[in-house]
Protein backbone atom coordinates (compact mmCIF):
# COMPACT_ATOMS: atom_id res chain seq x y z
CA MET A 1 122.98 -47.19 78.57
CA ARG A 2 121.48 -48.42 81.84
CA HIS A 3 118.21 -49.24 80.09
CA THR A 4 120.03 -51.04 77.31
CA LEU A 5 122.03 -53.22 79.70
CA ARG A 6 118.95 -53.94 81.80
CA GLU A 7 116.94 -54.99 78.76
CA THR A 8 119.83 -57.12 77.51
CA TRP A 9 120.11 -58.97 80.81
CA SER A 10 116.34 -59.39 80.97
CA GLY A 11 116.27 -60.85 77.48
CA LEU A 12 119.05 -63.29 78.29
CA ARG A 13 117.21 -64.50 81.41
CA ARG A 14 113.86 -64.83 79.68
CA ASN A 15 115.37 -66.81 76.79
CA ALA A 16 117.95 -68.75 78.78
CA THR A 17 117.25 -72.07 77.04
CA MET A 18 117.48 -70.60 73.57
CA THR A 19 120.60 -68.64 74.56
CA VAL A 20 122.30 -71.83 75.73
CA ALA A 21 121.33 -73.52 72.46
CA VAL A 22 122.84 -70.63 70.48
CA ILE A 23 126.05 -70.77 72.55
CA VAL A 24 126.44 -74.52 72.01
CA THR A 25 125.72 -74.24 68.28
CA MET A 26 128.22 -71.40 67.93
CA TRP A 27 130.77 -73.34 69.97
CA VAL A 28 130.55 -76.43 67.78
CA SER A 29 130.35 -74.62 64.45
CA LEU A 30 133.17 -72.18 65.23
CA SER A 31 135.36 -74.99 66.58
CA LEU A 32 134.93 -76.88 63.32
CA PHE A 33 135.55 -73.68 61.38
CA GLY A 34 138.79 -73.11 63.31
CA ALA A 35 139.80 -76.73 62.71
CA ALA A 36 139.21 -76.19 58.99
CA LEU A 37 141.47 -73.13 59.06
CA LEU A 38 144.19 -75.09 60.86
CA ALA A 39 143.86 -77.95 58.37
CA THR A 40 144.18 -75.49 55.50
CA GLN A 41 147.35 -74.00 56.98
CA GLN A 42 148.75 -77.48 57.70
CA VAL A 43 148.24 -78.58 54.09
CA ASP A 44 149.88 -75.39 52.84
CA LEU A 45 152.89 -75.93 55.14
CA ILE A 46 153.39 -79.53 53.98
CA LYS A 47 152.86 -78.59 50.35
CA GLY A 48 155.27 -75.68 50.61
CA LYS A 49 158.02 -77.77 52.17
CA TRP A 50 157.78 -80.73 49.81
CA TYR A 51 157.14 -78.74 46.66
CA ASP A 52 160.10 -76.52 47.48
CA LYS A 53 162.35 -79.60 47.50
CA ILE A 54 161.02 -81.16 44.31
CA GLU A 55 163.58 -81.63 41.57
CA VAL A 56 163.17 -83.09 38.12
CA SER A 57 165.78 -85.81 37.61
CA VAL A 58 166.87 -86.39 34.01
CA PHE A 59 168.62 -89.78 33.86
CA LEU A 60 171.03 -90.29 30.99
CA CYS A 61 171.51 -93.32 28.80
CA VAL A 62 174.01 -95.96 29.89
CA LYS A 63 175.38 -98.91 28.00
CA ASP A 64 173.07 -101.91 27.54
CA VAL A 65 170.07 -100.19 29.17
CA PRO A 66 167.33 -99.55 26.57
CA GLY A 67 164.49 -97.06 26.82
CA GLY A 68 163.77 -93.38 26.36
CA GLN A 69 165.86 -91.71 23.68
CA CYS A 70 168.73 -94.19 23.93
CA VAL A 71 170.10 -95.62 20.68
CA ASP A 72 170.78 -99.38 20.75
CA GLY A 73 171.59 -99.27 24.45
CA GLN A 74 174.51 -96.89 23.93
CA ALA A 75 175.62 -94.49 26.66
CA ALA A 76 174.95 -90.77 26.25
CA THR A 77 177.80 -88.97 24.52
CA GLN A 78 179.44 -85.84 25.86
CA ALA A 79 177.91 -83.86 23.00
CA GLN A 80 174.44 -85.07 24.02
CA LYS A 81 175.10 -84.18 27.64
CA ASP A 82 176.19 -80.66 26.67
CA SER A 83 173.09 -80.29 24.50
CA ILE A 84 170.81 -81.51 27.30
CA ARG A 85 172.32 -79.07 29.81
CA LYS A 86 172.07 -76.18 27.37
CA THR A 87 168.44 -76.98 26.56
CA LEU A 88 167.46 -77.27 30.22
CA GLU A 89 169.20 -74.06 31.25
CA ALA A 90 167.43 -72.21 28.43
CA ASN A 91 164.00 -73.24 29.72
CA PRO A 92 162.34 -70.25 31.47
CA GLN A 93 160.88 -72.53 34.18
CA VAL A 94 164.31 -73.82 35.23
CA GLN A 95 166.15 -72.16 38.09
CA THR A 96 169.34 -74.24 38.28
CA VAL A 97 170.74 -77.38 36.64
CA TYR A 98 173.12 -79.63 38.55
CA TYR A 99 175.01 -82.51 36.95
CA GLU A 100 175.44 -85.62 39.09
CA SER A 101 178.28 -87.73 37.73
CA LYS A 102 178.46 -91.50 37.85
CA HIS A 103 180.99 -91.27 40.67
CA ASP A 104 178.76 -89.00 42.77
CA ALA A 105 175.70 -91.15 42.08
CA TYR A 106 177.57 -94.33 43.00
CA THR A 107 178.91 -92.79 46.22
CA GLU A 108 175.40 -91.78 47.25
CA TYR A 109 174.07 -95.21 46.29
CA GLN A 110 176.67 -96.91 48.47
CA ARG A 111 175.84 -94.62 51.37
CA ILE A 112 172.09 -95.24 51.19
CA TYR A 113 172.32 -99.01 50.73
CA LYS A 114 175.44 -99.68 52.80
CA ASP A 115 173.59 -102.22 54.97
CA SER A 116 171.45 -103.67 52.20
CA PRO A 117 172.03 -106.75 50.01
CA VAL A 118 171.50 -104.60 46.89
CA LYS A 119 174.65 -102.59 47.65
CA ASP A 120 176.67 -104.51 45.09
CA VAL A 121 174.02 -104.77 42.37
CA LEU A 122 175.22 -101.62 40.59
CA THR A 123 178.75 -100.55 39.78
CA GLU A 124 180.10 -97.12 39.02
CA GLU A 125 180.07 -98.04 35.33
CA THR A 126 176.46 -99.25 35.21
CA ILE A 127 174.87 -96.59 37.41
CA GLN A 128 173.24 -93.66 35.64
CA ASP A 129 174.53 -90.14 35.72
CA SER A 130 171.86 -87.45 35.65
CA PHE A 131 170.90 -83.80 35.61
CA ARG A 132 169.02 -82.54 38.67
CA VAL A 133 166.78 -79.64 37.71
CA LYS A 134 165.55 -77.09 40.26
CA LEU A 135 162.38 -75.33 39.11
CA LYS A 136 161.37 -71.73 39.70
CA ASN A 137 157.79 -72.82 40.34
CA PRO A 138 157.60 -76.49 41.39
CA GLU A 139 153.93 -76.69 40.37
CA GLN A 140 154.79 -75.89 36.74
CA TYR A 141 156.83 -78.94 35.92
CA GLN A 142 155.01 -80.51 32.97
CA GLY A 143 156.76 -78.41 30.33
CA VAL A 144 160.24 -79.27 31.64
CA VAL A 145 159.42 -82.98 31.91
CA SER A 146 157.96 -83.24 28.40
CA GLN A 147 160.87 -81.29 26.92
CA ALA A 148 163.51 -83.42 28.66
CA GLN A 149 161.85 -86.69 27.65
CA GLY A 150 162.36 -85.91 23.98
CA LEU A 151 166.07 -85.08 24.15
CA PRO A 152 168.61 -87.53 22.64
CA GLY A 153 170.62 -89.26 25.34
CA VAL A 154 167.83 -89.21 27.93
CA GLN A 155 166.78 -92.61 29.27
CA ALA A 156 164.11 -91.49 31.77
CA VAL A 157 162.74 -88.40 33.53
CA VAL A 158 161.52 -88.71 37.13
CA ASP A 159 159.80 -86.18 39.37
CA LEU A 160 158.10 -86.49 42.76
CA HIS A 161 154.79 -85.08 41.57
CA THR A 162 153.65 -88.55 40.55
CA ALA A 163 153.82 -89.53 44.23
CA LEU A 164 152.90 -86.23 45.88
CA ASP A 165 149.95 -85.14 43.74
CA PRO A 166 147.66 -88.00 44.87
CA LEU A 167 148.63 -87.27 48.48
CA PHE A 168 147.76 -83.59 48.17
CA LEU A 169 144.56 -84.50 46.32
CA TRP A 170 143.35 -86.38 49.39
CA LEU A 171 144.61 -83.71 51.78
CA ASN A 172 142.78 -81.01 49.83
CA ALA A 173 139.64 -83.14 49.76
CA LEU A 174 139.85 -83.49 53.55
CA LYS A 175 140.46 -79.76 53.90
CA TRP A 176 137.51 -78.70 51.75
CA GLY A 177 135.28 -81.33 53.32
CA THR A 178 135.96 -79.79 56.74
CA VAL A 179 135.38 -76.30 55.36
CA GLY A 180 132.06 -77.41 53.84
CA MET A 181 130.84 -78.99 57.07
CA SER A 182 131.81 -75.94 59.10
CA ALA A 183 130.03 -73.67 56.59
CA LEU A 184 126.81 -75.68 56.99
CA LEU A 185 127.03 -75.45 60.77
CA LEU A 186 127.70 -71.71 60.59
CA VAL A 187 124.58 -71.27 58.45
CA ALA A 188 122.61 -73.30 61.02
CA ALA A 189 123.98 -71.09 63.80
CA ALA A 190 123.00 -67.93 61.90
CA LEU A 191 119.46 -69.22 61.38
CA GLN A 192 119.17 -70.17 65.05
CA ILE A 193 120.37 -66.75 66.16
CA GLY A 194 117.89 -65.07 63.83
CA ASN A 195 114.99 -67.18 65.11
CA THR A 196 115.96 -66.63 68.75
CA ILE A 197 116.10 -62.85 68.37
CA ARG A 198 112.86 -62.82 66.36
CA MET A 199 111.05 -64.76 69.11
CA ALA A 200 112.50 -62.47 71.77
CA ALA A 201 111.38 -59.38 69.87
CA PHE A 202 107.93 -60.85 69.23
CA SER A 203 107.41 -61.56 72.94
CA ARG A 204 108.16 -57.89 73.68
CA ARG A 205 106.21 -56.43 70.81
CA ARG A 206 103.86 -54.44 73.08
CA GLU A 207 106.76 -52.81 74.92
CA LEU A 208 108.43 -51.98 71.64
CA GLY A 209 105.24 -50.43 70.28
CA ILE A 210 104.99 -48.16 73.33
CA MET A 211 108.65 -47.21 72.99
CA ARG A 212 108.08 -46.33 69.37
CA LEU A 213 105.04 -44.19 70.23
CA VAL A 214 107.03 -42.15 72.74
CA GLY A 215 109.70 -41.44 70.12
CA ALA A 216 112.42 -44.02 70.85
CA SER A 217 114.90 -44.36 68.01
CA ASN A 218 115.53 -47.53 66.05
CA ALA A 219 119.03 -47.82 67.54
CA TYR A 220 117.64 -47.48 71.08
CA ILE A 221 115.18 -50.30 70.47
CA LEU A 222 117.49 -52.61 68.51
CA THR A 223 120.64 -52.37 70.66
CA PRO A 224 119.46 -54.76 73.45
CA PHE A 225 118.65 -57.47 70.89
CA LEU A 226 122.00 -57.04 69.18
CA LEU A 227 123.79 -57.22 72.52
CA GLU A 228 121.93 -60.41 73.45
CA SER A 229 123.06 -62.03 70.23
CA LEU A 230 126.61 -60.67 70.52
CA ILE A 231 127.05 -61.90 74.10
CA ALA A 232 125.85 -65.40 73.20
CA GLY A 233 128.06 -65.43 70.11
CA LEU A 234 131.16 -64.25 71.97
CA ILE A 235 130.68 -66.85 74.70
CA GLY A 236 130.51 -69.54 71.99
CA ALA A 237 133.58 -68.01 70.30
CA VAL A 238 135.61 -68.03 73.54
CA LEU A 239 134.71 -71.68 74.12
CA ALA A 240 135.62 -72.47 70.50
CA ALA A 241 138.95 -70.62 70.85
CA GLY A 242 139.77 -72.69 73.93
CA THR A 243 138.86 -75.88 72.08
CA ILE A 244 141.01 -74.93 69.10
CA ALA A 245 144.00 -73.99 71.28
CA ALA A 246 143.70 -77.16 73.36
CA GLY A 247 143.35 -79.35 70.27
CA ALA A 248 146.27 -77.72 68.46
CA TYR A 249 148.55 -78.05 71.49
CA GLY A 250 147.46 -81.49 72.68
CA ILE A 251 147.11 -83.24 69.33
CA VAL A 252 149.60 -81.46 67.07
CA MET A 253 152.30 -79.66 69.04
CA LYS A 254 152.68 -82.10 71.93
CA HIS A 255 152.23 -85.42 70.14
CA ALA A 256 152.31 -85.26 66.33
CA ALA A 257 155.16 -82.74 66.11
CA THR A 258 157.35 -84.77 68.46
CA SER A 259 156.62 -88.20 66.96
CA ILE A 260 156.80 -87.22 63.25
CA THR A 261 159.64 -84.75 62.84
CA THR A 262 159.91 -84.98 59.05
CA ILE A 263 156.79 -82.82 58.60
CA VAL A 264 156.47 -79.11 59.28
CA TRP A 265 153.56 -78.82 61.73
CA ILE A 266 151.39 -75.87 62.63
CA GLY A 267 152.31 -73.93 65.77
CA TRP A 268 150.96 -71.14 67.91
CA HIS A 269 151.29 -68.63 65.07
CA GLN A 270 148.83 -70.54 62.90
CA THR A 271 146.62 -71.24 65.92
CA TRP A 272 146.30 -67.55 66.78
CA ILE A 273 145.45 -66.75 63.17
CA ALA A 274 142.63 -69.32 63.28
CA ILE A 275 141.36 -67.97 66.62
CA ALA A 276 141.38 -64.39 65.28
CA TRP A 277 139.25 -65.42 62.31
CA VAL A 278 136.91 -67.34 64.63
CA LEU A 279 136.33 -64.18 66.69
CA VAL A 280 135.71 -62.09 63.58
CA VAL A 281 133.22 -64.62 62.19
CA ALA A 282 131.52 -64.85 65.60
CA VAL A 283 130.91 -61.10 65.72
CA VAL A 284 129.54 -60.98 62.16
CA LEU A 285 127.50 -64.13 62.68
CA SER A 286 126.00 -62.72 65.87
CA LEU A 287 125.10 -59.22 64.72
CA LEU A 288 124.01 -59.66 61.12
CA PRO A 289 121.24 -62.30 61.57
CA ALA A 290 119.96 -60.49 64.68
CA TYR A 291 119.80 -57.18 62.85
CA VAL A 292 118.08 -58.66 59.81
CA ALA A 293 115.57 -60.64 61.90
CA THR A 294 114.68 -57.65 64.09
CA LYS A 295 114.34 -55.17 61.24
CA ARG A 296 112.26 -57.59 59.20
CA TYR A 297 109.76 -58.74 61.78
CA LEU A 298 109.39 -55.59 63.87
CA LYS A 299 107.97 -52.36 62.56
CA VAL A 300 110.35 -50.10 64.40
């Protein structure tokens, strides 16, 4: 063990410049990898909250308002309303169906627009009553929408996916873009670690040959190189963990979460998950390239 530690320290001193380069590369690449993990969790939190609240609104025909399955601008009959409710409740994707009467809709309309000039545009007679449909899986809404649009007495069907899907398309693009960039940097870090360990082993090839001649095992010879790589990788991982924690607290928890309260933001739980994965990747990224490079270029 004493020999292993001495050789590890000697290797770190002899390759100080390359070791610093490996640490910086690992720091940057792992920080971006952790940021990608946090971005992924943030998108999932926003998506989960908004998708959980999505309802399909089935607006019924009212007098003198054409469109949909309305007949000559006539209001939906009670028989049509009963048929619509029965059809929606029979759909396997529907969890609950709630009927919002004209009175309830008008009361809500007056509350929302109480200080607006449009408050008196609609009356209780002209406002639409509707069925509010809660889905079992908010992402599987197309079947319910297409079914409801063809029912007699339905004037229009509205769901929030038309507004949210483009938003999540851009969020997912940002998420995967960050993941892709971090993956490229991690590959660069792995290649740099492999080259550094290969150069270190090559510079000590005579010592290694003597060790092999006197019967030293492969593990005895390889362990110092693996420790060199692991130490550099862990230093980069610790710096990356500090960067991730500082960024999550300073940017998200302290500022974004307090200024925009309508969004569920990541917290320490998600941050620790990202840091844990960063440490795992750092260990694998440190040991595997070093092992492959040493075994490939040294006849031990």
